[in-house]
């Protein structure tokens, strides 16, 4: 308290979360942890593929900030992935385990098909 009022302390932030986000920024939902329910207790076989898609997303954001458009090439080369770009968006797809196709778009939305 200062002069009878509560004042925020000037100290570094330490957010405690159950999954590392790679940054102290809770406003990055695309970096939040995910839960995978399996009958065999195994890990997600596509986790490295999901990480690559997230890396592509951030690389495309940086490219767009610098160039005013998205790149029509994969910024991080990966033979599992392909990209489709228009004037205002992109979607990257990659084939995962068991024939699943993972997607990420310019908004950071991810899904599988």
N, C-alpha and C. Protein backbone atom coordinates (compact mmCIF):
# COMPACT_ATOMS: atom_id res chain seq x y z
N UNK A 1 0.84 -1.17 0.00
CA UNK A 1 0.00 0.00 0.00
C UNK A 1 0.89 1.23 0.00
N UNK A 2 0.47 2.23 -0.74
CA UNK A 2 1.16 3.51 -0.80
C UNK A 2 0.11 4.59 -0.56
N UNK A 3 0.35 5.42 0.43
CA UNK A 3 -0.59 6.49 0.76
C UNK A 3 -2.01 5.96 0.94
N UNK A 4 -2.13 4.78 1.57
CA UNK A 4 -3.44 4.21 1.85
C UNK A 4 -4.14 3.57 0.66
N UNK A 5 -3.42 3.39 -0.46
CA UNK A 5 -4.02 2.78 -1.66
C UNK A 5 -3.19 1.58 -2.08
N UNK A 6 -3.88 0.59 -2.64
CA UNK A 6 -3.17 -0.56 -3.17
C UNK A 6 -2.48 -0.20 -4.48
N UNK A 7 -1.22 -0.59 -4.59
CA UNK A 7 -0.43 -0.31 -5.79
C UNK A 7 0.18 -1.63 -6.25
N UNK A 8 0.12 -1.88 -7.55
CA UNK A 8 0.70 -3.11 -8.09
C UNK A 8 2.21 -3.08 -7.92
N UNK A 9 2.75 -4.18 -7.43
CA UNK A 9 4.20 -4.29 -7.29
C UNK A 9 4.86 -4.37 -8.64
N UNK A 10 6.00 -3.76 -8.79
CA UNK A 10 6.77 -3.87 -10.03
C UNK A 10 7.75 -5.01 -9.86
N UNK A 11 7.30 -6.18 -10.31
CA UNK A 11 8.11 -7.39 -10.20
C UNK A 11 7.86 -8.22 -11.46
N UNK A 12 8.81 -9.06 -11.80
CA UNK A 12 8.60 -9.89 -13.00
C UNK A 12 7.42 -10.83 -12.80
N UNK A 13 6.71 -11.09 -13.90
CA UNK A 13 5.57 -12.00 -13.85
C UNK A 13 6.06 -13.44 -13.90
N UNK A 14 5.41 -14.27 -13.14
CA UNK A 14 5.66 -15.71 -13.18
C UNK A 14 4.30 -16.39 -13.19
N UNK A 15 3.87 -16.77 -14.37
CA UNK A 15 2.58 -17.46 -14.49
C UNK A 15 2.80 -18.95 -14.30
N UNK A 16 2.03 -19.53 -13.43
CA UNK A 16 2.13 -20.96 -13.18
C UNK A 16 1.05 -21.67 -13.99
N UNK A 17 1.45 -22.42 -14.96
CA UNK A 17 0.53 -23.19 -15.78
C UNK A 17 1.00 -24.63 -15.83
N UNK A 18 0.12 -25.54 -16.11
CA UNK A 18 0.49 -26.95 -16.12
C UNK A 18 1.20 -27.38 -17.39
N UNK A 19 1.18 -26.55 -18.43
CA UNK A 19 1.91 -26.87 -19.66
C UNK A 19 2.69 -25.63 -20.10
N UNK A 20 3.96 -25.77 -20.45
CA UNK A 20 4.74 -24.60 -20.85
C UNK A 20 4.20 -23.99 -22.14
N UNK A 21 4.15 -22.65 -22.17
CA UNK A 21 3.65 -21.94 -23.35
C UNK A 21 4.77 -21.37 -24.20
N UNK A 22 5.97 -21.30 -23.68
CA UNK A 22 7.07 -20.72 -24.43
C UNK A 22 7.16 -19.22 -24.28
N UNK A 23 6.23 -18.61 -23.55
CA UNK A 23 6.23 -17.16 -23.32
C UNK A 23 5.36 -16.87 -22.10
N UNK A 24 5.67 -15.79 -21.40
CA UNK A 24 4.80 -15.38 -20.30
C UNK A 24 3.71 -14.50 -20.91
N UNK A 25 2.66 -15.17 -21.39
CA UNK A 25 1.59 -14.50 -22.08
C UNK A 25 0.38 -15.43 -22.12
N UNK A 26 -0.57 -15.22 -21.23
CA UNK A 26 -1.74 -16.09 -21.17
C UNK A 26 -2.72 -15.83 -22.31
N UNK A 27 -2.44 -14.85 -23.16
CA UNK A 27 -3.32 -14.52 -24.28
C UNK A 27 -2.86 -15.21 -25.56
N UNK A 28 -2.30 -16.39 -25.42
CA UNK A 28 -1.86 -17.19 -26.57
C UNK A 28 -2.55 -18.56 -26.48
N UNK A 29 -3.86 -18.61 -26.70
CA UNK A 29 -4.56 -19.89 -26.52
C UNK A 29 -4.03 -20.99 -27.43
N UNK A 30 -3.45 -20.63 -28.56
CA UNK A 30 -2.91 -21.64 -29.45
C UNK A 30 -1.71 -22.36 -28.83
N UNK A 31 -1.18 -21.82 -27.73
CA UNK A 31 -0.06 -22.45 -27.03
C UNK A 31 -0.48 -23.15 -25.74
N UNK A 32 -1.77 -23.12 -25.43
CA UNK A 32 -2.24 -23.80 -24.23
C UNK A 32 -2.09 -25.30 -24.41
N UNK A 33 -1.97 -26.01 -23.33
CA UNK A 33 -1.85 -27.46 -23.37
C UNK A 33 -3.15 -28.10 -23.83
N UNK A 34 -3.03 -29.31 -24.29
CA UNK A 34 -4.20 -30.08 -24.70
C UNK A 34 -4.20 -31.41 -23.96
N UNK A 35 -5.36 -31.97 -23.80
CA UNK A 35 -5.50 -33.28 -23.19
C UNK A 35 -5.88 -34.28 -24.28
N UNK A 36 -5.24 -35.42 -24.26
CA UNK A 36 -5.56 -36.49 -25.21
C UNK A 36 -5.97 -37.71 -24.40
N UNK A 37 -7.21 -38.15 -24.57
CA UNK A 37 -7.71 -39.32 -23.88
C UNK A 37 -7.52 -40.52 -24.79
N UNK A 38 -6.80 -41.51 -24.30
CA UNK A 38 -6.57 -42.71 -25.09
C UNK A 38 -6.89 -43.93 -24.24
N UNK A 39 -7.20 -45.00 -24.91
CA UNK A 39 -7.47 -46.24 -24.19
C UNK A 39 -6.18 -46.96 -23.80
N UNK A 40 -5.10 -46.69 -24.54
CA UNK A 40 -3.84 -47.38 -24.25
C UNK A 40 -2.85 -46.55 -23.43
N UNK A 41 -3.21 -45.30 -23.09
CA UNK A 41 -2.34 -44.46 -22.28
C UNK A 41 -1.15 -43.90 -23.03
N UNK A 42 -1.14 -44.02 -24.35
CA UNK A 42 -0.01 -43.55 -25.15
C UNK A 42 -0.04 -42.05 -25.37
N UNK A 43 1.10 -41.52 -25.75
CA UNK A 43 1.24 -40.10 -26.06
C UNK A 43 0.66 -39.82 -27.45
N UNK A 44 0.43 -38.56 -27.74
CA UNK A 44 -0.07 -38.14 -29.05
C UNK A 44 1.03 -38.38 -30.09
N UNK A 45 0.81 -39.26 -31.06
CA UNK A 45 1.85 -39.54 -32.05
C UNK A 45 2.10 -38.36 -32.99
N UNK A 46 1.22 -37.38 -32.99
CA UNK A 46 1.36 -36.23 -33.89
C UNK A 46 1.84 -34.97 -33.18
N UNK A 47 2.33 -35.07 -31.96
CA UNK A 47 2.74 -33.87 -31.22
C UNK A 47 3.82 -33.09 -31.95
N UNK A 48 4.82 -33.75 -32.52
CA UNK A 48 5.87 -33.02 -33.25
C UNK A 48 5.30 -32.34 -34.49
N UNK A 49 4.30 -32.97 -35.11
CA UNK A 49 3.65 -32.37 -36.27
C UNK A 49 2.86 -31.13 -35.85
N UNK A 50 2.18 -31.20 -34.71
CA UNK A 50 1.45 -30.04 -34.20
C UNK A 50 2.40 -28.89 -33.88
N UNK A 51 3.55 -29.20 -33.30
CA UNK A 51 4.56 -28.17 -33.00
C UNK A 51 5.05 -27.51 -34.28
N UNK A 52 5.26 -28.30 -35.34
CA UNK A 52 5.70 -27.74 -36.62
C UNK A 52 4.63 -26.81 -37.18
N UNK A 53 3.35 -27.20 -37.08
CA UNK A 53 2.28 -26.33 -37.58
C UNK A 53 2.23 -25.02 -36.80
N UNK A 54 2.42 -25.09 -35.48
CA UNK A 54 2.43 -23.85 -34.69
C UNK A 54 3.63 -22.98 -35.07
N UNK A 55 4.78 -23.59 -35.34
CA UNK A 55 5.95 -22.82 -35.76
C UNK A 55 5.68 -22.14 -37.11
N UNK A 56 5.00 -22.86 -38.02
CA UNK A 56 4.62 -22.27 -39.31
C UNK A 56 3.71 -21.06 -39.10
N UNK A 57 2.75 -21.20 -38.17
CA UNK A 57 1.81 -20.12 -37.87
C UNK A 57 2.56 -18.85 -37.45
N UNK A 58 3.48 -18.99 -36.50
CA UNK A 58 4.23 -17.81 -36.04
C UNK A 58 5.15 -17.25 -37.12
N UNK A 59 5.74 -18.11 -37.91
CA UNK A 59 6.60 -17.64 -39.02
C UNK A 59 5.76 -16.88 -40.05
N UNK A 60 4.57 -17.38 -40.36
CA UNK A 60 3.69 -16.68 -41.30
C UNK A 60 3.24 -15.34 -40.74
N UNK A 61 2.96 -15.28 -39.44
CA UNK A 61 2.57 -13.99 -38.82
C UNK A 61 3.69 -12.96 -38.99
N UNK A 62 4.93 -13.39 -38.68
CA UNK A 62 6.07 -12.47 -38.83
C UNK A 62 6.23 -12.04 -40.29
N UNK A 63 6.10 -12.98 -41.21
CA UNK A 63 6.22 -12.67 -42.63
C UNK A 63 5.16 -11.66 -43.05
N UNK A 64 3.92 -11.86 -42.59
CA UNK A 64 2.83 -10.94 -42.93
C UNK A 64 3.07 -9.55 -42.37
N UNK A 65 3.58 -9.46 -41.14
CA UNK A 65 3.88 -8.15 -40.54
C UNK A 65 4.93 -7.40 -41.35
N UNK A 66 5.90 -8.11 -41.90
CA UNK A 66 6.99 -7.49 -42.66
C UNK A 66 6.63 -7.21 -44.11
N UNK A 67 5.76 -8.05 -44.71
CA UNK A 67 5.51 -7.97 -46.15
C UNK A 67 4.07 -7.63 -46.54
N UNK A 68 3.16 -7.59 -45.56
CA UNK A 68 1.78 -7.26 -45.86
C UNK A 68 1.01 -8.36 -46.56
N UNK A 69 1.55 -9.56 -46.59
CA UNK A 69 0.89 -10.71 -47.21
C UNK A 69 1.48 -11.97 -46.59
N UNK A 70 0.81 -13.09 -46.85
CA UNK A 70 1.33 -14.36 -46.38
C UNK A 70 2.21 -14.97 -47.46
N UNK A 71 3.17 -15.77 -47.06
CA UNK A 71 4.04 -16.44 -48.01
C UNK A 71 3.31 -17.64 -48.60
N UNK A 72 3.50 -17.86 -49.90
CA UNK A 72 2.88 -19.03 -50.53
C UNK A 72 3.79 -20.25 -50.47
N UNK A 73 4.87 -20.16 -49.70
CA UNK A 73 5.77 -21.29 -49.50
C UNK A 73 5.82 -21.60 -48.01
N UNK A 74 6.10 -22.85 -47.70
CA UNK A 74 6.30 -23.20 -46.30
C UNK A 74 7.57 -22.51 -45.82
N UNK A 75 7.47 -21.74 -44.77
CA UNK A 75 8.62 -21.00 -44.26
C UNK A 75 9.59 -21.94 -43.57
N UNK A 76 9.07 -22.96 -42.91
CA UNK A 76 9.89 -23.98 -42.29
C UNK A 76 9.67 -25.24 -43.12
N UNK A 77 10.67 -25.64 -43.87
CA UNK A 77 10.51 -26.76 -44.79
C UNK A 77 10.17 -28.04 -44.04
N UNK A 78 9.11 -28.70 -44.47
CA UNK A 78 8.71 -29.98 -43.90
C UNK A 78 7.96 -30.75 -44.97
N UNK A 79 8.46 -31.92 -45.37
CA UNK A 79 7.82 -32.66 -46.47
C UNK A 79 6.43 -33.18 -46.14
N UNK A 80 6.03 -33.18 -44.87
CA UNK A 80 4.69 -33.65 -44.51
C UNK A 80 3.61 -32.60 -44.75
N UNK A 81 4.02 -31.35 -44.97
CA UNK A 81 3.06 -30.24 -44.99
C UNK A 81 2.92 -29.62 -46.37
N UNK A 82 1.75 -29.02 -46.59
CA UNK A 82 1.51 -28.22 -47.79
C UNK A 82 0.72 -26.99 -47.38
N UNK A 83 0.77 -25.94 -48.21
CA UNK A 83 0.13 -24.67 -47.87
C UNK A 83 -0.73 -24.20 -49.03
N UNK A 84 -1.85 -23.57 -48.69
CA UNK A 84 -2.74 -22.93 -49.66
C UNK A 84 -2.92 -21.49 -49.20
N UNK A 85 -2.63 -20.53 -50.08
CA UNK A 85 -2.66 -19.11 -49.72
C UNK A 85 -3.57 -18.35 -50.66
N UNK A 86 -4.36 -17.41 -50.11
CA UNK A 86 -5.11 -16.44 -50.91
C UNK A 86 -4.61 -15.06 -50.51
N UNK A 87 -5.27 -14.02 -51.00
CA UNK A 87 -4.86 -12.66 -50.64
C UNK A 87 -5.03 -12.36 -49.16
N UNK A 88 -5.96 -13.03 -48.49
CA UNK A 88 -6.27 -12.67 -47.11
C UNK A 88 -6.12 -13.79 -46.09
N UNK A 89 -5.73 -15.00 -46.52
CA UNK A 89 -5.65 -16.10 -45.56
C UNK A 89 -4.71 -17.17 -46.05
N UNK A 90 -4.46 -18.14 -45.18
CA UNK A 90 -3.75 -19.35 -45.58
C UNK A 90 -4.24 -20.51 -44.74
N UNK A 91 -3.98 -21.70 -45.25
CA UNK A 91 -4.23 -22.92 -44.49
C UNK A 91 -3.09 -23.87 -44.79
N UNK A 92 -2.52 -24.43 -43.73
CA UNK A 92 -1.45 -25.41 -43.87
C UNK A 92 -2.01 -26.75 -43.42
N UNK A 93 -1.76 -27.79 -44.20
CA UNK A 93 -2.20 -29.13 -43.85
C UNK A 93 -0.99 -30.05 -43.80
N UNK A 94 -1.10 -31.07 -42.97
CA UNK A 94 -0.04 -32.07 -42.86
C UNK A 94 -0.66 -33.41 -42.49
N UNK A 95 -0.15 -34.47 -43.10
CA UNK A 95 -0.67 -35.80 -42.83
C UNK A 95 0.00 -36.38 -41.60
N UNK A 96 -0.82 -36.79 -40.65
CA UNK A 96 -0.32 -37.34 -39.40
C UNK A 96 -0.49 -38.85 -39.32
N UNK A 97 -0.40 -39.37 -38.13
CA UNK A 97 -0.50 -40.80 -37.89
C UNK A 97 -1.89 -41.31 -38.21
N UNK A 98 -1.97 -42.52 -38.70
CA UNK A 98 -3.27 -43.14 -38.96
C UNK A 98 -4.06 -42.47 -40.06
N UNK A 99 -3.42 -41.69 -40.93
CA UNK A 99 -4.11 -41.04 -42.03
C UNK A 99 -4.82 -39.75 -41.67
N UNK A 100 -4.73 -39.32 -40.39
CA UNK A 100 -5.36 -38.06 -40.00
C UNK A 100 -4.66 -36.90 -40.71
N UNK A 101 -5.43 -35.88 -41.03
CA UNK A 101 -4.86 -34.67 -41.62
C UNK A 101 -5.03 -33.55 -40.60
N UNK A 102 -3.92 -32.91 -40.24
CA UNK A 102 -3.94 -31.79 -39.30
C UNK A 102 -3.91 -30.49 -40.08
N UNK A 103 -4.62 -29.48 -39.58
CA UNK A 103 -4.73 -28.19 -40.27
C UNK A 103 -4.41 -27.07 -39.28
N UNK A 104 -3.91 -25.96 -39.82
CA UNK A 104 -3.81 -24.71 -39.07
C UNK A 104 -4.06 -23.59 -40.06
N UNK A 105 -4.74 -22.53 -39.61
CA UNK A 105 -4.99 -21.42 -40.53
C UNK A 105 -4.39 -20.12 -40.00
N UNK A 106 -4.63 -19.05 -40.73
CA UNK A 106 -4.05 -17.74 -40.43
C UNK A 106 -4.52 -17.19 -39.09
N UNK A 107 -5.59 -17.72 -38.53
CA UNK A 107 -6.07 -17.29 -37.22
C UNK A 107 -5.49 -18.12 -36.08
N UNK A 108 -4.69 -19.14 -36.41
CA UNK A 108 -4.14 -20.02 -35.40
C UNK A 108 -5.07 -21.15 -35.04
N UNK A 109 -6.21 -21.25 -35.73
CA UNK A 109 -7.17 -22.32 -35.46
C UNK A 109 -6.60 -23.63 -35.97
N UNK A 110 -6.67 -24.66 -35.16
CA UNK A 110 -6.20 -25.98 -35.57
C UNK A 110 -7.36 -26.98 -35.49
N UNK A 111 -7.32 -27.98 -36.36
CA UNK A 111 -8.32 -29.03 -36.34
C UNK A 111 -7.76 -30.23 -37.11
N UNK A 112 -8.42 -31.36 -36.98
CA UNK A 112 -8.02 -32.54 -37.74
C UNK A 112 -9.20 -33.07 -38.53
N UNK A 113 -8.86 -33.75 -39.61
CA UNK A 113 -9.90 -34.35 -40.45
C UNK A 113 -9.44 -35.72 -40.89
